Protein backbone atom coordinates (compact mmCIF):
# COMPACT_ATOMS: atom_id res chain seq x y z
CA MET A 1 -70.94 -78.10 -39.59
CA ILE A 2 -70.20 -80.05 -36.03
CA ARG A 3 -69.51 -77.26 -33.28
CA ILE A 4 -66.69 -78.75 -30.42
CA ASN A 5 -67.30 -77.90 -26.97
CA LEU A 6 -63.86 -77.54 -25.60
CA LEU A 7 -65.44 -76.15 -22.19
CA LYS A 8 -67.93 -78.70 -21.54
CA ASN A 9 -67.31 -82.74 -20.89
CA GLN A 10 -70.11 -84.77 -22.96
CA THR A 11 -72.78 -86.05 -20.00
CA ARG A 12 -73.81 -89.92 -21.20
CA LYS A 13 -77.77 -90.29 -21.11
CA LYS A 14 -79.48 -93.29 -19.48
CA GLY A 15 -80.06 -95.88 -21.79
CA GLY A 16 -78.12 -94.11 -24.35
CA LYS A 17 -75.10 -94.61 -26.79
CA GLN A 18 -72.26 -93.44 -24.55
CA SER A 19 -70.56 -89.90 -26.97
CA ALA A 20 -67.06 -89.94 -27.79
CA GLY A 21 -65.12 -89.02 -25.01
CA VAL A 22 -62.61 -85.75 -25.88
CA PRO A 23 -59.06 -86.37 -26.61
CA LYS A 24 -56.69 -85.49 -23.33
CA TRP A 25 -54.32 -83.68 -25.50
CA ILE A 26 -56.75 -81.05 -27.10
CA PRO A 27 -56.96 -79.18 -23.54
CA ALA A 28 -53.02 -78.92 -22.81
CA VAL A 29 -52.42 -77.69 -26.15
CA ALA A 30 -54.88 -74.98 -26.37
CA GLY A 31 -53.95 -74.25 -22.73
CA ALA A 32 -50.19 -73.71 -23.74
CA LEU A 33 -51.66 -71.49 -27.39
CA VAL A 34 -53.40 -69.16 -24.85
CA LEU A 35 -50.82 -68.25 -22.67
CA LEU A 36 -48.90 -67.91 -25.96
CA LEU A 37 -50.99 -65.31 -27.39
CA ILE A 38 -50.59 -63.27 -24.03
CA ALA A 39 -46.74 -63.87 -23.77
CA GLY A 40 -46.87 -62.46 -27.19
CA GLY A 41 -49.21 -59.75 -27.00
CA GLY A 42 -47.66 -58.32 -23.67
CA VAL A 43 -43.80 -57.76 -25.66
CA TYR A 44 -45.46 -56.44 -28.49
CA TYR A 45 -46.90 -53.84 -26.16
CA TYR A 46 -43.96 -52.93 -24.74
CA LEU A 47 -41.96 -52.77 -27.04
CA GLN A 48 -44.72 -50.04 -29.01
CA VAL A 49 -45.13 -48.04 -25.91
CA ASN A 50 -41.12 -48.11 -25.37
CA ASN A 51 -40.58 -47.49 -28.52
CA ASN A 52 -43.13 -44.32 -29.07
CA LYS A 53 -41.53 -42.73 -25.32
CA LYS A 54 -39.28 -40.14 -26.37
CA PRO A 55 -35.59 -40.54 -24.02
CA GLN A 56 -36.09 -38.41 -21.32
CA PRO A 57 -32.83 -36.07 -20.03
CA LYS A 58 -31.07 -36.85 -16.79
CA PRO A 59 -31.76 -33.93 -13.77
CA LEU A 60 -28.85 -32.30 -12.87
CA PRO A 61 -28.03 -32.52 -9.95
CA GLN A 62 -28.60 -30.05 -7.60
CA VAL A 63 -25.60 -27.81 -5.94
CA VAL A 64 -26.01 -26.49 -2.85
CA GLN A 65 -23.92 -23.40 -2.25
CA LYS A 66 -21.62 -23.75 0.74
CA THR A 67 -21.71 -20.73 3.02
CA GLU A 68 -19.18 -22.07 6.33
CA PHE A 69 -15.95 -23.03 5.11
CA LYS A 70 -13.63 -24.55 7.45
CA PRO A 71 -10.32 -23.52 7.39
CA SER A 72 -7.41 -25.06 6.00
CA THR A 73 -5.00 -26.91 8.94
CA HIS A 74 -1.63 -24.65 7.63
CA VAL A 75 -4.05 -21.16 8.31
CA LYS A 76 -4.45 -19.68 11.81
CA PRO A 77 -8.14 -19.98 12.78
CA ASN A 78 -9.31 -15.80 13.33
CA MET A 79 -6.25 -14.46 11.22
CA ILE A 80 -8.32 -12.19 9.14
CA GLU A 81 -9.81 -10.60 13.04
CA GLU A 82 -6.36 -10.30 14.63
CA VAL A 83 -4.76 -8.55 11.43
CA VAL A 84 -8.07 -6.01 11.86
CA LYS A 85 -7.51 -5.91 14.99
CA GLU A 86 -3.75 -5.20 14.31
CA VAL A 87 -4.48 -2.59 11.85
CA ASN A 88 -7.40 -0.80 13.87
CA SER A 89 -4.73 -0.46 17.24
CA GLU A 90 -2.00 0.82 14.72
CA ARG A 91 -4.30 3.28 13.40
CA GLU A 92 -5.52 4.10 16.51
CA SER A 93 -2.26 4.52 17.74
CA ASN A 94 -1.27 6.67 15.40
CA LYS A 95 -4.51 9.05 15.81
CA ARG A 96 -3.42 9.44 19.61
CA LYS A 97 0.24 10.21 18.93
CA GLY A 98 -1.11 12.72 16.13
CA PHE A 99 1.39 11.57 13.51
CA ILE A 100 0.09 10.89 9.92
CA ASN A 101 3.00 8.68 7.63
CA LEU A 102 2.17 10.45 4.40
CA THR A 103 4.49 11.43 1.24
CA TYR A 104 5.41 14.82 0.17
CA ASP A 105 3.24 14.18 -2.81
CA GLU A 106 -0.37 12.93 -1.02
CA MET A 107 -0.26 15.70 1.22
CA SER A 108 -2.41 18.15 1.20
CA PHE A 109 -1.87 22.00 0.38
CA ALA A 110 -2.23 22.91 3.86
CA GLU A 111 0.02 19.97 5.10
CA LYS A 112 2.29 20.84 2.78
CA ILE A 113 2.97 24.21 3.81
CA ASN A 114 3.46 22.35 7.16
CA TYR A 115 5.74 19.74 5.97
CA GLU A 116 8.08 22.39 3.59
CA VAL A 117 8.48 24.83 7.24
CA LEU A 118 9.85 22.42 8.90
CA PHE A 119 11.83 20.38 6.67
CA ALA A 120 15.06 21.87 7.51
CA TYR A 121 14.83 21.42 10.53
CA ASN A 122 13.99 17.71 10.50
CA ILE A 123 16.90 17.44 8.38
CA PHE A 124 19.53 18.61 11.01
CA ASP A 125 17.79 17.40 13.72
CA SER A 126 18.18 13.69 12.66
CA LEU A 127 21.66 14.36 11.50
CA SER A 128 22.56 15.53 14.38
CA ARG A 129 21.78 12.15 16.45
CA ILE A 130 22.57 9.65 13.31
CA ILE A 131 25.72 11.29 12.02
CA PRO A 132 28.37 10.25 15.00
CA ALA A 133 31.69 11.84 15.35
CA GLY A 134 34.62 11.16 13.36
CA MET A 135 32.97 11.88 10.01
CA GLY A 136 33.62 15.02 8.30
CA PHE A 137 31.40 16.53 5.21
CA LYS A 138 32.67 18.05 2.39
CA ALA A 139 29.56 18.55 1.09
CA LEU A 140 25.28 18.58 2.33
CA GLU A 141 22.64 19.31 -0.15
CA ILE A 142 18.72 19.30 0.63
CA ASP A 143 16.54 19.72 -2.19
CA ASN A 144 12.82 20.33 -3.46
CA PHE A 145 11.96 18.62 0.73
CA LEU A 146 12.75 15.42 -1.04
CA THR A 147 15.91 14.34 -1.03
CA MET A 148 19.34 15.25 0.64
CA TYR A 149 22.71 13.82 -0.85
CA SER A 150 26.21 14.41 1.02
CA VAL A 151 30.07 13.89 0.53
CA GLY A 152 32.25 13.41 2.97
CA ILE A 153 35.49 12.32 4.58
CA SER A 154 36.02 9.21 7.51
CA SER A 155 39.28 7.27 9.15
CA ASN A 156 36.99 4.23 9.75
CA SER A 157 34.85 2.18 7.97
CA SER A 158 32.98 0.29 9.71
CA LEU A 159 31.67 3.91 11.46
CA ILE A 160 30.19 4.60 8.11
CA THR A 161 28.43 1.07 7.64
CA GLN A 162 27.26 1.52 10.91
CA THR A 163 25.77 5.36 9.59
CA PHE A 164 24.52 3.57 6.64
CA ALA A 165 22.67 0.77 8.96
CA ARG A 166 21.04 3.29 10.86
CA LEU A 167 20.61 5.86 8.17
CA LYS A 168 18.86 3.10 6.18
CA ASP A 169 16.47 2.38 8.49
CA ASN A 170 15.41 5.99 9.96
CA PHE A 171 16.57 8.12 7.03
CA GLY A 172 15.45 6.51 3.70
CA LEU A 173 19.01 5.86 2.67
CA LEU A 174 19.17 5.03 -1.23
CA PRO A 175 21.79 1.92 -2.23
CA GLN A 176 24.57 1.76 -4.51
CA PRO A 177 25.21 3.83 -6.65
CA TYR A 178 23.51 6.27 -4.83
CA SER A 179 25.51 5.75 -1.34
CA SER A 180 28.29 4.45 -1.75
CA ILE A 181 32.22 3.80 0.30
CA LYS A 182 35.55 3.36 -1.11
CA GLU A 183 39.08 3.85 -0.51
CA ASN A 184 40.37 7.42 -0.89
CA GLY A 185 43.54 6.93 0.18
CA THR A 186 46.15 5.29 3.45
CA ASP A 187 42.77 4.87 6.48
CA SER A 188 41.13 7.20 4.00
CA TYR A 189 37.23 6.72 2.83
CA ARG A 190 35.24 8.68 1.13
CA PHE A 191 31.82 8.07 1.14
CA VAL A 192 28.14 9.60 -0.43
CA ILE A 193 24.99 9.48 1.08
CA THR A 194 21.84 9.94 -1.02
CA CYS A 195 18.80 9.51 1.28
CA LYS A 196 15.02 10.36 0.43
CA PRO A 197 13.86 10.82 4.31
CA SER A 198 9.49 11.12 4.80
CA PHE A 199 8.85 12.87 7.95
CA GLY A 200 5.34 12.58 7.27
CA VAL A 201 2.33 14.81 8.73
CA ASP A 202 2.81 15.58 12.86
CA LEU A 203 -0.22 17.01 13.99
CA ALA A 204 0.70 16.75 17.58
CA ASN A 205 3.65 19.15 16.81
CA PRO A 206 2.59 22.02 18.54
CA TYR A 207 4.14 24.16 16.40
CA GLN A 208 1.96 24.07 13.12
CA PRO A 209 3.33 26.54 10.52
CA ILE A 210 0.67 27.23 8.66
CA ASP A 211 -1.51 28.87 11.95
CA HIS A 212 1.78 31.48 12.20
CA LEU A 213 1.63 32.90 9.01
CA TYR A 214 1.73 36.49 8.34
CA LYS A 215 -0.01 39.03 6.20
CA ARG A 216 1.72 40.56 2.68
CA ASP A 217 2.22 43.83 4.25
CA ASP A 218 4.14 42.31 6.73
CA LEU A 219 6.60 40.55 4.31
CA ALA A 220 9.22 43.22 4.58
CA ALA A 221 9.13 43.18 8.09
CA LYS A 222 9.44 39.56 8.41
CA ILE A 223 12.42 39.84 5.73
CA LYS A 224 13.95 42.67 8.15
CA GLU A 225 14.07 40.05 11.14
CA PHE A 226 15.20 36.96 9.18
CA ARG A 227 18.24 38.64 8.26
CA LYS A 228 18.92 40.08 12.24
CA LEU A 229 18.06 36.69 13.49
CA ALA A 230 21.41 34.99 10.92
CA SER A 231 23.44 37.67 12.02
CA ASP A 232 23.22 37.47 15.38
CA PHE A 233 24.25 33.83 14.85
CA LYS A 234 27.31 34.98 12.63
CA ILE A 235 26.26 34.12 9.63
CA VAL A 236 27.26 36.61 7.13
CA SER A 237 25.05 37.74 4.29
CA THR A 238 26.97 37.68 0.54
CA ALA A 239 24.00 37.31 -1.39
CA GLY A 240 20.58 38.83 -0.60
CA PRO A 241 17.70 37.01 0.47
CA VAL A 242 16.68 38.77 -2.67
CA SER A 243 12.77 38.17 -4.50
CA GLN A 244 13.19 35.96 -7.60
CA ARG A 245 9.38 34.88 -7.59
CA VAL A 246 5.77 34.34 -6.77
CA ASN A 247 3.36 32.38 -7.24
CA LYS A 248 -0.55 32.43 -6.11
CA ILE A 249 -2.46 29.65 -4.53
CA ARG A 250 -5.57 29.65 -3.43
CA ASP A 251 -5.78 32.72 -1.06
CA PHE A 252 -1.95 32.26 -0.18
CA GLN A 253 0.81 34.75 -1.84
CA ARG A 254 4.56 31.99 -2.05
CA PHE A 255 7.39 34.50 -1.94
CA GLU A 256 10.62 32.88 -3.33
CA TYR A 257 14.19 33.95 -1.98
CA HIS A 258 17.86 33.68 -3.01
CA TRP A 259 20.28 33.62 0.15
CA GLU A 260 23.52 33.57 0.28
CA CYS A 261 26.14 33.26 3.22
CA THR A 262 29.05 32.30 4.60
CA SER A 263 29.20 30.64 8.86
CA THR A 264 30.00 27.27 10.29
CA TYR A 265 27.91 24.34 9.90
CA ARG A 266 27.58 25.05 14.00
CA ASP A 267 26.38 28.18 14.03
CA PHE A 268 23.87 27.66 11.12
CA VAL A 269 22.30 24.77 12.03
CA GLN A 270 21.28 27.22 15.31
CA PHE A 271 19.69 29.54 13.44
CA ILE A 272 17.45 26.68 11.50
CA LYS A 273 17.16 25.71 15.07
CA GLU A 274 16.49 28.90 15.99
CA LEU A 275 13.62 29.84 13.26
CA ASN A 276 11.60 26.74 14.48
CA THR A 277 11.97 27.81 17.97
CA ARG A 278 10.59 31.38 17.56
CA LYS A 279 7.87 30.02 15.11
CA PHE A 280 9.26 31.54 12.41
CA PRO A 281 7.47 30.41 8.77
CA CYS A 282 10.32 30.32 6.62
CA ALA A 283 11.78 27.27 4.07
CA PHE A 284 13.97 26.28 2.51
CA ARG A 285 13.23 24.62 -0.51
CA THR A 286 16.79 24.63 -1.42
CA ILE A 287 20.45 24.06 0.62
CA HIS A 288 23.53 23.69 -0.84
CA ILE A 289 26.06 23.47 2.27
CA ARG A 290 30.54 23.30 0.68
CA ALA A 291 33.42 23.57 2.74
CA ILE A 292 35.77 26.73 2.46
CA ARG A 293 38.23 26.11 4.70
CA GLY A 294 38.94 25.09 8.38
CA ASN A 295 35.06 25.23 9.64
CA LYS A 296 33.84 27.48 7.40
CA VAL A 297 31.34 26.70 5.31
CA SER A 298 29.35 28.66 2.13
CA VAL A 299 25.57 28.47 2.24
CA VAL A 300 23.42 29.33 -1.17
CA SER A 301 19.44 28.41 -0.28
CA ASP A 302 16.06 29.55 -1.73
CA CYS A 303 13.51 30.39 0.72
CA ILE A 304 10.01 30.77 0.62
CA PHE A 305 8.07 32.68 2.30
CA THR A 306 3.92 31.87 2.17
CA VAL A 307 1.85 34.67 3.44
CA LYS A 308 -1.98 35.42 3.66
CA GLU A 309 -3.89 38.29 1.31
């Protein structure tokens, strides 16, 4: 077997025969084969390694929560702060004035007692400032400390319209058909007014009726005083006051009396105002006034006298 050494060149020996030389193409072919083997092995390794690796999921982008937001160009900067300041200043103003804007249903029992006693006075006092001369009532009704209803006649339609505007702003005027104006013949207009006034809780008023309630044993004397005061204003009692029912609530008793009388509208209003001036705690749950003749009116009412046990 003959071995061919491709790494060493044959050398001549002195005096010996010249050995056959290695062809030049053999080293080149051998080098090329070696390079092909290396390259092939690399490709095979790359394919094997990558085929064995499982695809890894891409990591989700990290979300950074913003804690500061720039206001829109259409929004006034510091708007929320200004609104809060405005609300707080309004509350402080109401607190200074002692007024709390609550509806009758939202009030506590003590607040309702005060509200009920002052309700008729507030109605007539407001009407005297809102209703101008030239408007006459044929009927006026006050019911359950919630509503006021009236029917009247006037020769001036613009006067009625102006009055409606004032009632809408200050007296809870209800829209049509509850409130309306209609022609009633030549130069005469019939109007209907329906209001749901809300006077709130007036803590600044020096007269808080709940502080002036009397005891059960004093009720008979107070009813007598009530009738005497009405007589002083030329009010003629035609029925009562007659006891109708009694309701007990906590440490209080509420006596309801039915009372009918005749008077002039002006004298009856003055009587209501005098009750307020004297701090006489009588509430009118209903007052129905009807024109009789001339300036005379009939009044049918239900009065509530709240006493302490």
